[in-house]
Amino acid sequence: MSDTVLQSLAAELDEIQAERRCSFDDAVKVLIDEETDSTVKANTWIASAMIESLRDVFGPDAI
């Protein structure tokens, strides 16, 4: 998965968090619920886990 895809997803999740004032996990749920394709849902979940792991290890500005 490219850095650009992860950066784009991270930005979208950050935006959802700011708009809804919710946790990262809740933002992921919102984004996944908006999707209709099961493959996209799975990829979104996997990518969000990668983002969360990177931020846990390297800090909130990691991606």
PDB file of N, CA and C in Angstrom:
ATOM      1  N   MET A   1       0.858  -1.170   0.000  1.00  0.00           N
ATOM      2  CA  MET A   1       0.000   0.000   0.000  1.00  0.00           C
ATOM      3  C   MET A   1       0.898   1.225   0.000  1.00  0.00           C
ATOM      4  N   SER A   2       0.627   2.134  -0.868  1.00  0.00           N
ATOM      5  CA  SER A   2       1.510   3.291  -1.010  1.00  0.00           C
ATOM      6  C   SER A   2       1.295   4.306   0.105  1.00  0.00           C
ATOM      7  N   ASP A   3       2.329   5.112   0.321  1.00  0.00           N
ATOM      8  CA  ASP A   3       2.245   6.172   1.324  1.00  0.00           C
ATOM      9  C   ASP A   3       1.128   7.143   0.999  1.00  0.00           C
ATOM     10  N   THR A   4       0.921   7.418  -0.286  1.00  0.00           N
ATOM     11  CA  THR A   4      -0.114   8.363  -0.704  1.00  0.00           C
ATOM     12  C   THR A   4      -1.494   7.881  -0.294  1.00  0.00           C
ATOM     13  N   VAL A   5      -1.749   6.594  -0.457  1.00  0.00           N
ATOM     14  CA  VAL A   5      -3.045   6.023  -0.071  1.00  0.00           C
ATOM     15  C   VAL A   5      -3.227   6.137   1.430  1.00  0.00           C
ATOM     16  N   LEU A   6      -2.193   5.793   2.190  1.00  0.00           N
ATOM     17  CA  LEU A   6      -2.290   5.885   3.646  1.00  0.00           C
ATOM     18  C   LEU A   6      -2.452   7.329   4.104  1.00  0.00           C
ATOM     19  N   GLN A   7      -1.729   8.248   3.472  1.00  0.00           N
ATOM     20  CA  GLN A   7      -1.856   9.662   3.836  1.00  0.00           C
ATOM     21  C   GLN A   7      -3.251  10.190   3.539  1.00  0.00           C
ATOM     22  N   SER A   8      -3.806   9.776   2.427  1.00  0.00           N
ATOM     23  CA  SER A   8      -5.155  10.194   2.051  1.00  0.00           C
ATOM     24  C   SER A   8      -6.184   9.645   3.039  1.00  0.00           C
ATOM     25  N   LEU A   9      -6.050   8.376   3.375  1.00  0.00           N
ATOM     26  CA  LEU A   9      -6.968   7.762   4.332  1.00  0.00           C
ATOM     27  C   LEU A   9      -6.813   8.396   5.709  1.00  0.00           C
ATOM     28  N   ALA A  10      -5.581   8.649   6.115  1.00  0.00           N
ATOM     29  CA  ALA A  10      -5.340   9.282   7.415  1.00  0.00           C
ATOM     30  C   ALA A  10      -5.993  10.660   7.471  1.00  0.00           C
ATOM     31  N   ALA A  11      -5.875  11.413   6.394  1.00  0.00           N
ATOM     32  CA  ALA A  11      -6.492  12.743   6.341  1.00  0.00           C
ATOM     33  C   ALA A  11      -8.009  12.641   6.430  1.00  0.00           C
ATOM     34  N   GLU A  12      -8.570  11.663   5.737  1.00  0.00           N
ATOM     35  CA  GLU A  12     -10.023  11.481   5.779  1.00  0.00           C
ATOM     36  C   GLU A  12     -10.484  11.083   7.177  1.00  0.00           C
ATOM     37  N   LEU A  13      -9.744  10.196   7.824  1.00  0.00           N
ATOM     38  CA  LEU A  13     -10.096   9.792   9.188  1.00  0.00           C
ATOM     39  C   LEU A  13      -9.954  10.960  10.160  1.00  0.00           C
ATOM     40  N   ASP A  14      -8.897  11.749  10.001  1.00  0.00           N
ATOM     41  CA  ASP A  14      -8.722  12.932  10.858  1.00  0.00           C
ATOM     42  C   ASP A  14      -9.877  13.909  10.682  1.00  0.00           C
ATOM     43  N   GLU A  15     -10.325  14.065   9.445  1.00  0.00           N
ATOM     44  CA  GLU A  15     -11.436  14.971   9.161  1.00  0.00           C
ATOM     45  C   GLU A  15     -12.729  14.470   9.826  1.00  0.00           C
ATOM     46  N   ILE A  16     -12.981  13.188   9.731  1.00  0.00           N
ATOM     47  CA  ILE A  16     -14.170  12.612  10.373  1.00  0.00           C
ATOM     48  C   ILE A  16     -14.093  12.807  11.876  1.00  0.00           C
ATOM     49  N   GLN A  17     -12.913  12.561  12.455  1.00  0.00           N
ATOM     50  CA  GLN A  17     -12.739  12.755  13.896  1.00  0.00           C
ATOM     51  C   GLN A  17     -13.035  14.196  14.301  1.00  0.00           C
ATOM     52  N   ALA A  18     -12.543  15.141  13.536  1.00  0.00           N
ATOM     53  CA  ALA A  18     -12.747  16.550  13.861  1.00  0.00           C
ATOM     54  C   ALA A  18     -14.211  16.950  13.721  1.00  0.00           C
ATOM     55  N   GLU A  19     -14.850  16.501  12.641  1.00  0.00           N
ATOM     56  CA  GLU A  19     -16.244  16.863  12.401  1.00  0.00           C
ATOM     57  C   GLU A  19     -17.180  16.262  13.444  1.00  0.00           C
ATOM     58  N   ARG A  20     -16.951  15.024  13.778  1.00  0.00           N
ATOM     59  CA  ARG A  20     -17.852  14.313  14.693  1.00  0.00           C
ATOM     60  C   ARG A  20     -17.365  14.293  16.135  1.00  0.00           C
ATOM     61  N   ARG A  21     -16.152  14.782  16.322  1.00  0.00           N
ATOM     62  CA  ARG A  21     -15.541  14.771  17.654  1.00  0.00           C
ATOM     63  C   ARG A  21     -15.605  13.370  18.258  1.00  0.00           C
ATOM     64  N   CYS A  22     -15.041  12.438  17.512  1.00  0.00           N
ATOM     65  CA  CYS A  22     -15.078  11.046  17.932  1.00  0.00           C
ATOM     66  C   CYS A  22     -13.663  10.466  17.957  1.00  0.00           C
ATOM     67  N   SER A  23     -13.550   9.252  18.453  1.00  0.00           N
ATOM     68  CA  SER A  23     -12.259   8.573  18.520  1.00  0.00           C
ATOM     69  C   SER A  23     -11.837   8.082  17.138  1.00  0.00           C
ATOM     70  N   PHE A  24     -10.586   7.688  17.027  1.00  0.00           N
ATOM     71  CA  PHE A  24     -10.072   7.132  15.781  1.00  0.00           C
ATOM     72  C   PHE A  24     -10.872   5.891  15.405  1.00  0.00           C
ATOM     73  N   ASP A  25     -11.125   5.026  16.378  1.00  0.00           N
ATOM     74  CA  ASP A  25     -11.888   3.800  16.108  1.00  0.00           C
ATOM     75  C   ASP A  25     -13.288   4.109  15.588  1.00  0.00           C
ATOM     76  N   ASP A  26     -13.934   5.101  16.173  1.00  0.00           N
ATOM     77  CA  ASP A  26     -15.265   5.481  15.702  1.00  0.00           C
ATOM     78  C   ASP A  26     -15.224   6.064  14.293  1.00  0.00           C
ATOM     79  N   ALA A  27     -14.176   6.812  13.995  1.00  0.00           N
ATOM     80  CA  ALA A  27     -14.022   7.361  12.638  1.00  0.00           C
ATOM     81  C   ALA A  27     -13.856   6.234  11.624  1.00  0.00           C
ATOM     82  N   VAL A  28     -13.099   5.204  11.996  1.00  0.00           N
ATOM     83  CA  VAL A  28     -12.927   4.042  11.114  1.00  0.00           C
ATOM     84  C   VAL A  28     -14.279   3.375  10.873  1.00  0.00           C
ATOM     85  N   LYS A  29     -15.060   3.218  11.929  1.00  0.00           N
ATOM     86  CA  LYS A  29     -16.383   2.593  11.787  1.00  0.00           C
ATOM     87  C   LYS A  29     -17.282   3.406  10.859  1.00  0.00           C
ATOM     88  N   VAL A  30     -17.243   4.726  11.000  1.00  0.00           N
ATOM     89  CA  VAL A  30     -18.048   5.600  10.142  1.00  0.00           C
ATOM     90  C   VAL A  30     -17.637   5.417   8.686  1.00  0.00           C
ATOM     91  N   LEU A  31     -16.347   5.447   8.439  1.00  0.00           N
ATOM     92  CA  LEU A  31     -15.846   5.319   7.076  1.00  0.00           C
ATOM     93  C   LEU A  31     -16.195   3.956   6.481  1.00  0.00           C
ATOM     94  N   ILE A  32     -16.051   2.909   7.258  1.00  0.00           N
ATOM     95  CA  ILE A  32     -16.373   1.563   6.772  1.00  0.00           C
ATOM     96  C   ILE A  32     -17.868   1.420   6.526  1.00  0.00           C
ATOM     97  N   ASP A  33     -18.677   2.000   7.393  1.00  0.00           N
ATOM     98  CA  ASP A  33     -20.131   1.921   7.214  1.00  0.00           C
ATOM     99  C   ASP A  33     -20.597   2.628   5.948  1.00  0.00           C
ATOM    100  N   GLU A  34     -19.839   3.628   5.497  1.00  0.00           N
ATOM    101  CA  GLU A  34     -20.204   4.365   4.287  1.00  0.00           C
ATOM    102  C   GLU A  34     -19.911   3.567   3.021  1.00  0.00           C
ATOM    103  N   GLU A  35     -19.046   2.579   3.124  1.00  0.00           N
ATOM    104  CA  GLU A  35     -18.659   1.782   1.958  1.00  0.00           C
ATOM    105  C   GLU A  35     -19.677   0.673   1.703  1.00  0.00           C
ATOM    106  N   THR A  36     -19.844   0.306   0.441  1.00  0.00           N
ATOM    107  CA  THR A  36     -20.751  -0.783   0.096  1.00  0.00           C
ATOM    108  C   THR A  36     -20.005  -2.023  -0.380  1.00  0.00           C
ATOM    109  N   ASP A  37     -18.800  -1.851  -0.883  1.00  0.00           N
ATOM    110  CA  ASP A  37     -18.013  -2.959  -1.409  1.00  0.00           C
ATOM    111  C   ASP A  37     -17.245  -3.623  -0.258  1.00  0.00           C
ATOM    112  N   SER A  38     -17.394  -4.939  -0.112  1.00  0.00           N
ATOM    113  CA  SER A  38     -16.757  -5.635   1.004  1.00  0.00           C
ATOM    114  C   SER A  38     -15.232  -5.610   0.913  1.00  0.00           C
ATOM    115  N   THR A  39     -14.692  -5.602  -0.288  1.00  0.00           N
ATOM    116  CA  THR A  39     -13.235  -5.533  -0.454  1.00  0.00           C
ATOM    117  C   THR A  39     -12.712  -4.177   0.003  1.00  0.00           C
ATOM    118  N   VAL A  40     -13.435  -3.129  -0.341  1.00  0.00           N
ATOM    119  CA  VAL A  40     -13.039  -1.788   0.088  1.00  0.00           C
ATOM    120  C   VAL A  40     -13.136  -1.685   1.608  1.00  0.00           C
ATOM    121  N   LYS A  41     -14.162  -2.262   2.187  1.00  0.00           N
ATOM    122  CA  LYS A  41     -14.307  -2.262   3.645  1.00  0.00           C
ATOM    123  C   LYS A  41     -13.105  -2.932   4.298  1.00  0.00           C
ATOM    124  N   ALA A  42     -12.719  -4.087   3.789  1.00  0.00           N
ATOM    125  CA  ALA A  42     -11.586  -4.827   4.352  1.00  0.00           C
ATOM    126  C   ALA A  42     -10.287  -4.043   4.198  1.00  0.00           C
ATOM    127  N   ASN A  43     -10.075  -3.477   3.022  1.00  0.00           N
ATOM    128  CA  ASN A  43      -8.856  -2.699   2.786  1.00  0.00           C
ATOM    129  C   ASN A  43      -8.810  -1.454   3.665  1.00  0.00           C
ATOM    130  N   THR A  44      -9.957  -0.830   3.875  1.00  0.00           N
ATOM    131  CA  THR A  44     -10.026   0.342   4.745  1.00  0.00           C
ATOM    132  C   THR A  44      -9.666  -0.038   6.174  1.00  0.00           C
ATOM    133  N   TRP A  45     -10.179  -1.153   6.628  1.00  0.00           N
ATOM    134  CA  TRP A  45      -9.897  -1.610   7.987  1.00  0.00           C
ATOM    135  C   TRP A  45      -8.406  -1.920   8.148  1.00  0.00           C
ATOM    136  N   ILE A  46      -7.832  -2.620   7.184  1.00  0.00           N
ATOM    137  CA  ILE A  46      -6.408  -2.971   7.236  1.00  0.00           C
ATOM    138  C   ILE A  46      -5.544  -1.714   7.217  1.00  0.00           C
ATOM    139  N   ALA A  47      -5.844  -0.800   6.308  1.00  0.00           N
ATOM    140  CA  ALA A  47      -5.061   0.430   6.197  1.00  0.00           C
ATOM    141  C   ALA A  47      -5.183   1.279   7.461  1.00  0.00           C
ATOM    142  N   SER A  48      -6.376   1.335   8.045  1.00  0.00           N
ATOM    143  CA  SER A  48      -6.547   2.136   9.256  1.00  0.00           C
ATOM    144  C   SER A  48      -5.756   1.528  10.412  1.00  0.00           C
ATOM    145  N   ALA A  49      -5.669   0.209  10.458  1.00  0.00           N
ATOM    146  CA  ALA A  49      -4.852  -0.444  11.483  1.00  0.00           C
ATOM    147  C   ALA A  49      -3.373  -0.098  11.290  1.00  0.00           C
ATOM    148  N   MET A  50      -2.940  -0.040  10.041  1.00  0.00           N
ATOM    149  CA  MET A  50      -1.558   0.349   9.747  1.00  0.00           C
ATOM    150  C   MET A  50      -1.297   1.780  10.205  1.00  0.00           C
ATOM    151  N   ILE A  51      -2.227   2.676   9.909  1.00  0.00           N
ATOM    152  CA  ILE A  51      -2.081   4.081  10.312  1.00  0.00           C
ATOM    153  C   ILE A  51      -2.008   4.179  11.829  1.00  0.00           C
ATOM    154  N   GLU A  52      -2.905   3.491  12.503  1.00  0.00           N
ATOM    155  CA  GLU A  52      -2.930   3.546  13.968  1.00  0.00           C
ATOM    156  C   GLU A  52      -1.616   3.022  14.547  1.00  0.00           C
ATOM    157  N   SER A  53      -1.098   1.943  13.991  1.00  0.00           N
ATOM    158  CA  SER A  53       0.171   1.381  14.465  1.00  0.00           C
ATOM    159  C   SER A  53       1.323   2.348  14.246  1.00  0.00           C
ATOM    160  N   LEU A  54       1.389   2.943  13.073  1.00  0.00           N
ATOM    161  CA  LEU A  54       2.450   3.917  12.793  1.00  0.00           C
ATOM    162  C   LEU A  54       2.382   5.095  13.746  1.00  0.00           C
ATOM    163  N   ARG A  55       1.179   5.577  14.016  1.00  0.00           N
ATOM    164  CA  ARG A  55       1.022   6.712  14.928  1.00  0.00           C
ATOM    165  C   ARG A  55       1.369   6.320  16.358  1.00  0.00           C
ATOM    166  N   ASP A  56       1.048   5.084  16.759  1.00  0.00           N
ATOM    167  CA  ASP A  56       1.398   4.623  18.095  1.00  0.00           C
ATOM    168  C   ASP A  56       2.915   4.572  18.279  1.00  0.00           C
ATOM    169  N   VAL A  57       3.618   4.121  17.257  1.00  0.00           N
ATOM    170  CA  VAL A  57       5.065   3.966  17.347  1.00  0.00           C
ATOM    171  C   VAL A  57       5.809   5.281  17.143  1.00  0.00           C
ATOM    172  N   PHE A  58       5.405   6.056  16.129  1.00  0.00           N
ATOM    173  CA  PHE A  58       6.162   7.237  15.736  1.00  0.00           C
ATOM    174  C   PHE A  58       5.511   8.566  16.100  1.00  0.00           C
ATOM    175  N   GLY A  59       4.342   8.536  16.700  1.00  0.00           N
ATOM    176  CA  GLY A  59       3.670   9.759  17.099  1.00  0.00           C
ATOM    177  C   GLY A  59       2.560  10.144  16.146  1.00  0.00           C
ATOM    178  N   PRO A  60       1.708  11.083  16.565  1.00  0.00           N
ATOM    179  CA  PRO A  60       0.519  11.443  15.799  1.00  0.00           C
ATOM    180  C   PRO A  60       0.799  12.053  14.426  1.00  0.00           C
ATOM    181  N   ASP A  61       1.996  12.569  14.222  1.00  0.00           N
ATOM    182  CA  ASP A  61       2.318  13.181  12.921  1.00  0.00           C
ATOM    183  C   ASP A  61       3.035  12.216  11.986  1.00  0.00           C
ATOM    184  N   ALA A  62       3.067  10.939  12.359  1.00  0.00           N
ATOM    185  CA  ALA A  62       3.792   9.952  11.554  1.00  0.00           C
ATOM    186  C   ALA A  62       3.214   9.813  10.158  1.00  0.00           C
ATOM    187  N   ILE A  63       1.931   9.948  10.041  1.00  0.00           N
ATOM    188  CA  ILE A  63       1.286   9.836   8.731  1.00  0.00           C
ATOM    189  C   ILE A  63      -0.005  10.607   8.723  1.00  0.00           C
TER     190      ILE A  63
END
